[in-house]
Amino acid sequence: MKAKNNNTKTLEQFKDNHFGKIGTQKREDLDAGYENFKIGAMIHNARIEKGLTQEQLAEKTGTTKSYISKIENNVKEARFSTLQKIVELGLGGHLELSIKL
């Protein structure tokens, strides 16, 4: 019986092969883009959980519906101070920041 060839790769192996090793510009761009996407997705999910529209969240935070939409859809990066307003004033949450070395 012939052994089956297993071409399964981990996500890290896939990223290494297609975007380069950690530290290369292409890989850094990929990882930074993912973090921005993740922030937008977390805001979107929290907003939905709170039962707010983008317009309502914008009103609570002193910004615009368009700006909230751009953050949620990874079109625009939010400044930390704006992100803090969205989370704390708009969503009633607490923003935590950590640094891992």
PDB file of N, CA and C in Angstrom:
ATOM      1  N   MET A   1       0.843  -1.167   0.000  1.00  0.00           N
ATOM      2  CA  MET A   1       0.000   0.000   0.000  1.00  0.00           C
ATOM      3  C   MET A   1       0.899   1.245   0.000  1.00  0.00           C
ATOM      4  N   LYS A   2       0.590   2.156  -0.871  1.00  0.00           N
ATOM      5  CA  LYS A   2       1.390   3.371  -1.012  1.00  0.00           C
ATOM      6  C   LYS A   2       0.989   4.400   0.058  1.00  0.00           C
ATOM      7  N   ALA A   3       1.982   5.029   0.692  1.00  0.00           N
ATOM      8  CA  ALA A   3       1.713   6.048   1.717  1.00  0.00           C
ATOM      9  C   ALA A   3       1.155   7.305   1.064  1.00  0.00           C
ATOM     10  N   LYS A   4       0.213   7.911   1.736  1.00  0.00           N
ATOM     11  CA  LYS A   4      -0.414   9.138   1.244  1.00  0.00           C
ATOM     12  C   LYS A   4       0.509  10.331   1.515  1.00  0.00           C
ATOM     13  N   ASN A   5       0.678  11.180   0.530  1.00  0.00           N
ATOM     14  CA  ASN A   5       1.512  12.378   0.682  1.00  0.00           C
ATOM     15  C   ASN A   5       0.705  13.456   1.402  1.00  0.00           C
ATOM     16  N   ASN A   6       1.178  13.914   2.538  1.00  0.00           N
ATOM     17  CA  ASN A   6       0.463  14.919   3.333  1.00  0.00           C
ATOM     18  C   ASN A   6       1.121  16.280   3.130  1.00  0.00           C
ATOM     19  N   ASN A   7       0.417  17.182   2.451  1.00  0.00           N
ATOM     20  CA  ASN A   7       0.947  18.524   2.186  1.00  0.00           C
ATOM     21  C   ASN A   7       0.376  19.560   3.145  1.00  0.00           C
ATOM     22  N   THR A   8      -0.142  19.130   4.268  1.00  0.00           N
ATOM     23  CA  THR A   8      -0.729  20.042   5.241  1.00  0.00           C
ATOM     24  C   THR A   8       0.362  20.936   5.822  1.00  0.00           C
ATOM     25  N   LYS A   9       0.043  22.238   5.912  1.00  0.00           N
ATOM     26  CA  LYS A   9       0.983  23.204   6.482  1.00  0.00           C
ATOM     27  C   LYS A   9       0.302  23.967   7.601  1.00  0.00           C
ATOM     28  N   THR A  10       1.095  24.412   8.546  1.00  0.00           N
ATOM     29  CA  THR A  10       0.559  25.284   9.589  1.00  0.00           C
ATOM     30  C   THR A  10       0.379  26.677   8.992  1.00  0.00           C
ATOM     31  N   LEU A  11      -0.373  27.516   9.693  1.00  0.00           N
ATOM     32  CA  LEU A  11      -0.549  28.895   9.246  1.00  0.00           C
ATOM     33  C   LEU A  11       0.790  29.611   9.182  1.00  0.00           C
ATOM     34  N   GLU A  12       1.652  29.366  10.163  1.00  0.00           N
ATOM     35  CA  GLU A  12       2.969  30.010  10.173  1.00  0.00           C
ATOM     36  C   GLU A  12       3.802  29.570   8.973  1.00  0.00           C
ATOM     37  N   GLN A  13       3.749  28.288   8.625  1.00  0.00           N
ATOM     38  CA  GLN A  13       4.472  27.809   7.452  1.00  0.00           C
ATOM     39  C   GLN A  13       3.932  28.452   6.179  1.00  0.00           C
ATOM     40  N   PHE A  14       2.607  28.566   6.095  1.00  0.00           N
ATOM     41  CA  PHE A  14       1.993  29.203   4.930  1.00  0.00           C
ATOM     42  C   PHE A  14       2.457  30.651   4.805  1.00  0.00           C
ATOM     43  N   LYS A  15       2.428  31.381   5.920  1.00  0.00           N
ATOM     44  CA  LYS A  15       2.854  32.783   5.889  1.00  0.00           C
ATOM     45  C   LYS A  15       4.334  32.899   5.548  1.00  0.00           C
ATOM     46  N   ASP A  16       5.154  32.015   6.097  1.00  0.00           N
ATOM     47  CA  ASP A  16       6.588  32.010   5.772  1.00  0.00           C
ATOM     48  C   ASP A  16       6.798  31.804   4.271  1.00  0.00           C
ATOM     49  N   ASN A  17       6.078  30.855   3.693  1.00  0.00           N
ATOM     50  CA  ASN A  17       6.242  30.532   2.273  1.00  0.00           C
ATOM     51  C   ASN A  17       5.740  31.635   1.348  1.00  0.00           C
ATOM     52  N   HIS A  18       4.627  32.264   1.700  1.00  0.00           N
ATOM     53  CA  HIS A  18       3.991  33.216   0.797  1.00  0.00           C
ATOM     54  C   HIS A  18       4.307  34.682   1.101  1.00  0.00           C
ATOM     55  N   PHE A  19       4.695  34.974   2.333  1.00  0.00           N
ATOM     56  CA  PHE A  19       4.927  36.370   2.718  1.00  0.00           C
ATOM     57  C   PHE A  19       6.311  36.606   3.309  1.00  0.00           C
ATOM     58  N   GLY A  20       7.097  35.572   3.436  1.00  0.00           N
ATOM     59  CA  GLY A  20       8.440  35.709   3.984  1.00  0.00           C
ATOM     60  C   GLY A  20       8.479  35.470   5.481  1.00  0.00           C
ATOM     61  N   LYS A  21       9.678  35.360   5.981  1.00  0.00           N
ATOM     62  CA  LYS A  21       9.884  35.123   7.416  1.00  0.00           C
ATOM     63  C   LYS A  21       9.564  36.382   8.218  1.00  0.00           C
ATOM     64  N   ILE A  22       9.336  36.203   9.495  1.00  0.00           N
ATOM     65  CA  ILE A  22       9.103  37.332  10.390  1.00  0.00           C
ATOM     66  C   ILE A  22      10.308  38.262  10.306  1.00  0.00           C
ATOM     67  N   GLY A  23      10.037  39.542  10.179  1.00  0.00           N
ATOM     68  CA  GLY A  23      11.098  40.540  10.060  1.00  0.00           C
ATOM     69  C   GLY A  23      11.223  41.100   8.659  1.00  0.00           C
ATOM     70  N   THR A  24      10.706  40.377   7.663  1.00  0.00           N
ATOM     71  CA  THR A  24      10.731  40.919   6.301  1.00  0.00           C
ATOM     72  C   THR A  24       9.583  41.912   6.142  1.00  0.00           C
ATOM     73  N   GLN A  25       9.730  42.877   5.262  1.00  0.00           N
ATOM     74  CA  GLN A  25       8.729  43.926   5.104  1.00  0.00           C
ATOM     75  C   GLN A  25       7.363  43.367   4.701  1.00  0.00           C
ATOM     76  N   LYS A  26       7.353  42.428   3.774  1.00  0.00           N
ATOM     77  CA  LYS A  26       6.088  41.863   3.306  1.00  0.00           C
ATOM     78  C   LYS A  26       5.353  41.163   4.457  1.00  0.00           C
ATOM     79  N   ARG A  27       6.101  40.463   5.293  1.00  0.00           N
ATOM     80  CA  ARG A  27       5.501  39.761   6.430  1.00  0.00           C
ATOM     81  C   ARG A  27       5.027  40.762   7.486  1.00  0.00           C
ATOM     82  N   GLU A  28       5.804  41.793   7.743  1.00  0.00           N
ATOM     83  CA  GLU A  28       5.402  42.816   8.708  1.00  0.00           C
ATOM     84  C   GLU A  28       4.123  43.513   8.259  1.00  0.00           C
ATOM     85  N   ASP A  29       4.023  43.797   6.972  1.00  0.00           N
ATOM     86  CA  ASP A  29       2.811  44.421   6.422  1.00  0.00           C
ATOM     87  C   ASP A  29       1.600  43.513   6.607  1.00  0.00           C
ATOM     88  N   LEU A  30       1.784  42.225   6.352  1.00  0.00           N
ATOM     89  CA  LEU A  30       0.698  41.256   6.532  1.00  0.00           C
ATOM     90  C   LEU A  30       0.235  41.236   7.981  1.00  0.00           C
ATOM     91  N   ASP A  31       1.182  41.112   8.906  1.00  0.00           N
ATOM     92  CA  ASP A  31       0.834  41.020  10.316  1.00  0.00           C
ATOM     93  C   ASP A  31       0.189  42.303  10.833  1.00  0.00           C
ATOM     94  N   ALA A  32       0.675  43.463  10.385  1.00  0.00           N
ATOM     95  CA  ALA A  32       0.073  44.742  10.793  1.00  0.00           C
ATOM     96  C   ALA A  32      -1.339  44.854  10.254  1.00  0.00           C
ATOM     97  N   GLY A  33      -1.536  44.435   9.024  1.00  0.00           N
ATOM     98  CA  GLY A  33      -2.879  44.468   8.428  1.00  0.00           C
ATOM     99  C   GLY A  33      -3.844  43.580   9.178  1.00  0.00           C
ATOM    100  N   TYR A  34      -3.360  42.438   9.639  1.00  0.00           N
ATOM    101  CA  TYR A  34      -4.212  41.531  10.393  1.00  0.00           C
ATOM    102  C   TYR A  34      -4.639  42.160  11.712  1.00  0.00           C
ATOM    103  N   GLU A  35      -3.728  42.837  12.383  1.00  0.00           N
ATOM    104  CA  GLU A  35      -4.066  43.481  13.661  1.00  0.00           C
ATOM    105  C   GLU A  35      -5.139  44.545  13.457  1.00  0.00           C
ATOM    106  N   ASN A  36      -5.027  45.343  12.400  1.00  0.00           N
ATOM    107  CA  ASN A  36      -6.048  46.359  12.121  1.00  0.00           C
ATOM    108  C   ASN A  36      -7.384  45.713  11.795  1.00  0.00           C
ATOM    109  N   PHE A  37      -7.354  44.627  11.022  1.00  0.00           N
ATOM    110  CA  PHE A  37      -8.576  43.896  10.703  1.00  0.00           C
ATOM    111  C   PHE A  37      -9.227  43.383  11.983  1.00  0.00           C
ATOM    112  N   LYS A  38      -8.396  42.836  12.882  1.00  0.00           N
ATOM    113  CA  LYS A  38      -8.900  42.267  14.128  1.00  0.00           C
ATOM    114  C   LYS A  38      -9.557  43.347  14.995  1.00  0.00           C
ATOM    115  N   ILE A  39      -8.956  44.521  15.068  1.00  0.00           N
ATOM    116  CA  ILE A  39      -9.526  45.624  15.849  1.00  0.00           C
ATOM    117  C   ILE A  39     -10.889  46.011  15.287  1.00  0.00           C
ATOM    118  N   GLY A  40     -10.962  46.160  13.971  1.00  0.00           N
ATOM    119  CA  GLY A  40     -12.232  46.511  13.333  1.00  0.00           C
ATOM    120  C   GLY A  40     -13.301  45.465  13.588  1.00  0.00           C
ATOM    121  N   ALA A  41     -12.929  44.193  13.501  1.00  0.00           N
ATOM    122  CA  ALA A  41     -13.886  43.110  13.737  1.00  0.00           C
ATOM    123  C   ALA A  41     -14.357  43.098  15.187  1.00  0.00           C
ATOM    124  N   MET A  42     -13.455  43.375  16.122  1.00  0.00           N
ATOM    125  CA  MET A  42     -13.843  43.403  17.538  1.00  0.00           C
ATOM    126  C   MET A  42     -14.807  44.555  17.814  1.00  0.00           C
ATOM    127  N   ILE A  43     -14.551  45.718  17.214  1.00  0.00           N
ATOM    128  CA  ILE A  43     -15.457  46.855  17.396  1.00  0.00           C
ATOM    129  C   ILE A  43     -16.819  46.535  16.798  1.00  0.00           C
ATOM    130  N   HIS A  44     -16.820  45.971  15.606  1.00  0.00           N
ATOM    131  CA  HIS A  44     -18.077  45.599  14.957  1.00  0.00           C
ATOM    132  C   HIS A  44     -18.879  44.642  15.834  1.00  0.00           C
ATOM    133  N   ASN A  45     -18.224  43.582  16.317  1.00  0.00           N
ATOM    134  CA  ASN A  45     -18.922  42.589  17.143  1.00  0.00           C
ATOM    135  C   ASN A  45     -19.438  43.197  18.440  1.00  0.00           C
ATOM    136  N   ALA A  46     -18.643  44.037  19.076  1.00  0.00           N
ATOM    137  CA  ALA A  46     -19.068  44.670  20.328  1.00  0.00           C
ATOM    138  C   ALA A  46     -20.244  45.613  20.084  1.00  0.00           C
ATOM    139  N   ARG A  47     -20.197  46.350  18.970  1.00  0.00           N
ATOM    140  CA  ARG A  47     -21.292  47.269  18.630  1.00  0.00           C
ATOM    141  C   ARG A  47     -22.590  46.501  18.421  1.00  0.00           C
ATOM    142  N   ILE A  48     -22.525  45.402  17.687  1.00  0.00           N
ATOM    143  CA  ILE A  48     -23.709  44.570  17.446  1.00  0.00           C
ATOM    144  C   ILE A  48     -24.227  43.994  18.764  1.00  0.00           C
ATOM    145  N   GLU A  49     -23.312  43.529  19.601  1.00  0.00           N
ATOM    146  CA  GLU A  49     -23.695  42.965  20.897  1.00  0.00           C
ATOM    147  C   GLU A  49     -24.418  43.995  21.767  1.00  0.00           C
ATOM    148  N   LYS A  50     -23.984  45.261  21.661  1.00  0.00           N
ATOM    149  CA  LYS A  50     -24.621  46.339  22.426  1.00  0.00           C
ATOM    150  C   LYS A  50     -25.915  46.831  21.766  1.00  0.00           C
ATOM    151  N   GLY A  51     -26.207  46.346  20.558  1.00  0.00           N
ATOM    152  CA  GLY A  51     -27.431  46.746  19.859  1.00  0.00           C
ATOM    153  C   GLY A  51     -27.370  48.149  19.282  1.00  0.00           C
ATOM    154  N   LEU A  52     -26.164  48.594  18.948  1.00  0.00           N
ATOM    155  CA  LEU A  52     -25.985  49.949  18.418  1.00  0.00           C
ATOM    156  C   LEU A  52     -25.777  49.930  16.904  1.00  0.00           C
ATOM    157  N   THR A  53     -26.263  50.960  16.242  1.00  0.00           N
ATOM    158  CA  THR A  53     -25.936  51.158  14.841  1.00  0.00           C
ATOM    159  C   THR A  53     -24.605  51.899  14.776  1.00  0.00           C
ATOM    160  N   GLN A  54     -24.019  51.941  13.595  1.00  0.00           N
ATOM    161  CA  GLN A  54     -22.780  52.713  13.436  1.00  0.00           C
ATOM    162  C   GLN A  54     -23.055  54.184  13.735  1.00  0.00           C
ATOM    163  N   GLU A  55     -24.202  54.666  13.336  1.00  0.00           N
ATOM    164  CA  GLU A  55     -24.548  56.071  13.578  1.00  0.00           C
ATOM    165  C   GLU A  55     -24.675  56.359  15.075  1.00  0.00           C
ATOM    166  N   GLN A  56     -25.305  55.473  15.819  1.00  0.00           N
ATOM    167  CA  GLN A  56     -25.440  55.662  17.266  1.00  0.00           C
ATOM    168  C   GLN A  56     -24.080  55.641  17.953  1.00  0.00           C
ATOM    169  N   LEU A  57     -23.221  54.715  17.548  1.00  0.00           N
ATOM    170  CA  LEU A  57     -21.879  54.650  18.129  1.00  0.00           C
ATOM    171  C   LEU A  57     -21.096  55.914  17.804  1.00  0.00           C
ATOM    172  N   ALA A  58     -21.224  56.402  16.592  1.00  0.00           N
ATOM    173  CA  ALA A  58     -20.541  57.632  16.186  1.00  0.00           C
ATOM    174  C   ALA A  58     -21.010  58.822  17.020  1.00  0.00           C
ATOM    175  N   GLU A  59     -22.311  58.928  17.247  1.00  0.00           N
ATOM    176  CA  GLU A  59     -22.857  60.033  18.054  1.00  0.00           C
ATOM    177  C   GLU A  59     -22.308  59.994  19.474  1.00  0.00           C
ATOM    178  N   LYS A  60     -22.212  58.813  20.050  1.00  0.00           N
ATOM    179  CA  LYS A  60     -21.722  58.668  21.422  1.00  0.00           C
ATOM    180  C   LYS A  60     -20.242  59.022  21.545  1.00  0.00           C
ATOM    181  N   THR A  61     -19.502  58.891  20.453  1.00  0.00           N
ATOM    182  CA  THR A  61     -18.054  59.094  20.508  1.00  0.00           C
ATOM    183  C   THR A  61     -17.583  60.369  19.820  1.00  0.00           C
ATOM    184  N   GLY A  62     -18.526  61.150  19.275  1.00  0.00           N
ATOM    185  CA  GLY A  62     -18.153  62.415  18.643  1.00  0.00           C
ATOM    186  C   GLY A  62     -17.449  62.250  17.310  1.00  0.00           C
ATOM    187  N   THR A  63     -17.798  61.191  16.593  1.00  0.00           N
ATOM    188  CA  THR A  63     -17.222  60.983  15.265  1.00  0.00           C
ATOM    189  C   THR A  63     -18.357  60.777  14.266  1.00  0.00           C
ATOM    190  N   THR A  64     -18.057  60.238  13.122  1.00  0.00           N
ATOM    191  CA  THR A  64     -19.085  60.057  12.093  1.00  0.00           C
ATOM    192  C   THR A  64     -19.339  58.580  11.824  1.00  0.00           C
ATOM    193  N   LYS A  65     -20.510  58.292  11.274  1.00  0.00           N
ATOM    194  CA  LYS A  65     -20.852  56.928  10.880  1.00  0.00           C
ATOM    195  C   LYS A  65     -19.830  56.415   9.868  1.00  0.00           C
ATOM    196  N   SER A  66     -19.429  57.272   8.956  1.00  0.00           N
ATOM    197  CA  SER A  66     -18.464  56.900   7.930  1.00  0.00           C
ATOM    198  C   SER A  66     -17.135  56.461   8.560  1.00  0.00           C
ATOM    199  N   TYR A  67     -16.700  57.177   9.576  1.00  0.00           N
ATOM    200  CA  TYR A  67     -15.434  56.855  10.247  1.00  0.00           C
ATOM    201  C   TYR A  67     -15.534  55.499  10.953  1.00  0.00           C
ATOM    202  N   ILE A  68     -16.652  55.263  11.651  1.00  0.00           N
ATOM    203  CA  ILE A  68     -16.859  53.972  12.319  1.00  0.00           C
ATOM    204  C   ILE A  68     -16.853  52.855  11.285  1.00  0.00           C
ATOM    205  N   SER A  69     -17.530  53.068  10.175  1.00  0.00           N
ATOM    206  CA  SER A  69     -17.576  52.075   9.102  1.00  0.00           C
ATOM    207  C   SER A  69     -16.182  51.773   8.565  1.00  0.00           C
ATOM    208  N   LYS A  70     -15.389  52.812   8.366  1.00  0.00           N
ATOM    209  CA  LYS A  70     -14.035  52.626   7.837  1.00  0.00           C
ATOM    210  C   LYS A  70     -13.159  51.836   8.800  1.00  0.00           C
ATOM    211  N   ILE A  71     -13.322  52.060  10.091  1.00  0.00           N
ATOM    212  CA  ILE A  71     -12.549  51.298  11.079  1.00  0.00           C
ATOM    213  C   ILE A  71     -13.008  49.843  11.077  1.00  0.00           C
ATOM    214  N   GLU A  72     -14.316  49.629  11.101  1.00  0.00           N
ATOM    215  CA  GLU A  72     -14.852  48.267  11.122  1.00  0.00           C
ATOM    216  C   GLU A  72     -14.479  47.477   9.867  1.00  0.00           C
ATOM    217  N   ASN A  73     -14.354  48.146   8.759  1.00  0.00           N
ATOM    218  CA  ASN A  73     -14.066  47.478   7.487  1.00  0.00           C
ATOM    219  C   ASN A  73     -12.594  47.545   7.088  1.00  0.00           C
ATOM    220  N   ASN A  74     -11.742  47.924   8.041  1.00  0.00           N
ATOM    221  CA  ASN A  74     -10.297  47.951   7.838  1.00  0.00           C
ATOM    222  C   ASN A  74      -9.869  48.862   6.683  1.00  0.00           C
ATOM    223  N   VAL A  75     -10.595  49.963   6.508  1.00  0.00           N
ATOM    224  CA  VAL A  75     -10.238  50.943   5.488  1.00  0.00           C
ATOM    225  C   VAL A  75      -9.364  52.027   6.111  1.00  0.00           C
ATOM    226  N   LYS A  76      -9.590  52.294   7.389  1.00  0.00           N
ATOM    227  CA  LYS A  76      -8.869  53.354   8.088  1.00  0.00           C
ATOM    228  C   LYS A  76      -8.397  52.833   9.437  1.00  0.00           C
ATOM    229  N   GLU A  77      -7.177  53.217   9.809  1.00  0.00           N
ATOM    230  CA  GLU A  77      -6.647  52.879  11.125  1.00  0.00           C
ATOM    231  C   GLU A  77      -7.119  53.924  12.124  1.00  0.00           C
ATOM    232  N   ALA A  78      -7.488  53.478  13.309  1.00  0.00           N
ATOM    233  CA  ALA A  78      -7.920  54.394  14.360  1.00  0.00           C
ATOM    234  C   ALA A  78      -6.734  54.761  15.239  1.00  0.00           C
ATOM    235  N   ARG A  79      -6.662  56.036  15.597  1.00  0.00           N
ATOM    236  CA  ARG A  79      -5.664  56.457  16.585  1.00  0.00           C
ATOM    237  C   ARG A  79      -6.050  55.849  17.929  1.00  0.00           C
ATOM    238  N   PHE A  80      -5.066  55.671  18.783  1.00  0.00           N
ATOM    239  CA  PHE A  80      -5.330  55.064  20.081  1.00  0.00           C
ATOM    240  C   PHE A  80      -6.367  55.864  20.869  1.00  0.00           C
ATOM    241  N   SER A  81      -6.246  57.181  20.858  1.00  0.00           N
ATOM    242  CA  SER A  81      -7.194  58.019  21.617  1.00  0.00           C
ATOM    243  C   SER A  81      -8.621  57.857  21.092  1.00  0.00           C
ATOM    244  N   THR A  82      -8.764  57.728  19.788  1.00  0.00           N
ATOM    245  CA  THR A  82     -10.091  57.533  19.198  1.00  0.00           C
ATOM    246  C   THR A  82     -10.620  56.150  19.534  1.00  0.00           C
ATOM    247  N   LEU A  83      -9.758  55.166  19.456  1.00  0.00           N
ATOM    248  CA  LEU A  83     -10.147  53.807  19.807  1.00  0.00           C
ATOM    249  C   LEU A  83     -10.608  53.745  21.260  1.00  0.00           C
ATOM    250  N   GLN A  84      -9.916  54.463  22.118  1.00  0.00           N
ATOM    251  CA  GLN A  84     -10.289  54.508  23.534  1.00  0.00           C
ATOM    252  C   GLN A  84     -11.679  55.124  23.704  1.00  0.00           C
ATOM    253  N   LYS A  85     -11.981  56.197  22.987  1.00  0.00           N
ATOM    254  CA  LYS A  85     -13.315  56.818  23.051  1.00  0.00           C
ATOM    255  C   LYS A  85     -14.391  55.852  22.564  1.00  0.00           C
ATOM    256  N   ILE A  86     -14.107  55.162  21.468  1.00  0.00           N
ATOM    257  CA  ILE A  86     -15.083  54.225  20.921  1.00  0.00           C
ATOM    258  C   ILE A  86     -15.393  53.130  21.935  1.00  0.00           C
ATOM    259  N   VAL A  87     -14.354  52.562  22.523  1.00  0.00           N
ATOM    260  CA  VAL A  87     -14.544  51.455  23.457  1.00  0.00           C
ATOM    261  C   VAL A  87     -15.175  51.934  24.765  1.00  0.00           C
ATOM    262  N   GLU A  88     -14.645  53.022  25.324  1.00  0.00           N
ATOM    263  CA  GLU A  88     -15.105  53.447  26.649  1.00  0.00           C
ATOM    264  C   GLU A  88     -16.401  54.255  26.605  1.00  0.00           C
ATOM    265  N   LEU A  89     -16.439  55.295  25.787  1.00  0.00           N
ATOM    266  CA  LEU A  89     -17.643  56.132  25.730  1.00  0.00           C
ATOM    267  C   LEU A  89     -18.752  55.479  24.921  1.00  0.00           C
ATOM    268  N   GLY A  90     -18.386  54.914  23.794  1.00  0.00           N
ATOM    269  CA  GLY A  90     -19.393  54.374  22.891  1.00  0.00           C
ATOM    270  C   GLY A  90     -19.919  53.010  23.286  1.00  0.00           C
ATOM    271  N   LEU A  91     -19.031  52.150  23.748  1.00  0.00           N
ATOM    272  CA  LEU A  91     -19.421  50.779  24.032  1.00  0.00           C
ATOM    273  C   LEU A  91     -19.493  50.475  25.521  1.00  0.00           C
ATOM    274  N   GLY A  92     -19.044  51.406  26.353  1.00  0.00           N
ATOM    275  CA  GLY A  92     -19.093  51.197  27.796  1.00  0.00           C
ATOM    276  C   GLY A  92     -18.111  50.143  28.279  1.00  0.00           C
ATOM    277  N   GLY A  93     -17.033  49.962  27.528  1.00  0.00           N
ATOM    278  CA  GLY A  93     -16.035  48.958  27.883  1.00  0.00           C
ATOM    279  C   GLY A  93     -14.762  49.591  28.397  1.00  0.00           C
ATOM    280  N   HIS A  94     -13.736  48.790  28.481  1.00  0.00           N
ATOM    281  CA  HIS A  94     -12.433  49.239  28.940  1.00  0.00           C
ATOM    282  C   HIS A  94     -11.395  48.723  27.957  1.00  0.00           C
ATOM    283  N   LEU A  95     -10.579  49.629  27.437  1.00  0.00           N
ATOM    284  CA  LEU A  95      -9.540  49.259  26.480  1.00  0.00           C
ATOM    285  C   LEU A  95      -8.267  48.917  27.231  1.00  0.00           C
ATOM    286  N   GLU A  96      -7.705  47.761  26.941  1.00  0.00           N
ATOM    287  CA  GLU A  96      -6.450  47.346  27.560  1.00  0.00           C
ATOM    288  C   GLU A  96      -5.383  47.239  26.489  1.00  0.00           C
ATOM    289  N   LEU A  97      -4.202  47.641  26.836  1.00  0.00           N
ATOM    290  CA  LEU A  97      -3.055  47.585  25.929  1.00  0.00           C
ATOM    291  C   LEU A  97      -1.977  46.763  26.603  1.00  0.00           C
ATOM    292  N   SER A  98      -1.363  45.882  25.854  1.00  0.00           N
ATOM    293  CA  SER A  98      -0.268  45.109  26.416  1.00  0.00           C
ATOM    294  C   SER A  98       0.873  45.080  25.407  1.00  0.00           C
ATOM    295  N   ILE A  99       2.049  44.904  25.928  1.00  0.00           N
ATOM    296  CA  ILE A  99       3.236  44.783  25.101  1.00  0.00           C
ATOM    297  C   ILE A  99       3.875  43.443  25.439  1.00  0.00           C
ATOM    298  N   LYS A 100       4.087  42.650  24.395  1.00  0.00           N
ATOM    299  CA  LYS A 100       4.716  41.343  24.578  1.00  0.00           C
ATOM    300  C   LYS A 100       6.059  41.371  23.886  1.00  0.00           C
ATOM    301  N   LEU A 101       7.095  40.962  24.578  1.00  0.00           N
ATOM    302  CA  LEU A 101       8.442  40.932  24.011  1.00  0.00           C
ATOM    303  C   LEU A 101       8.912  39.516  23.829  1.00  0.00           C
TER     304      LEU A 101
END
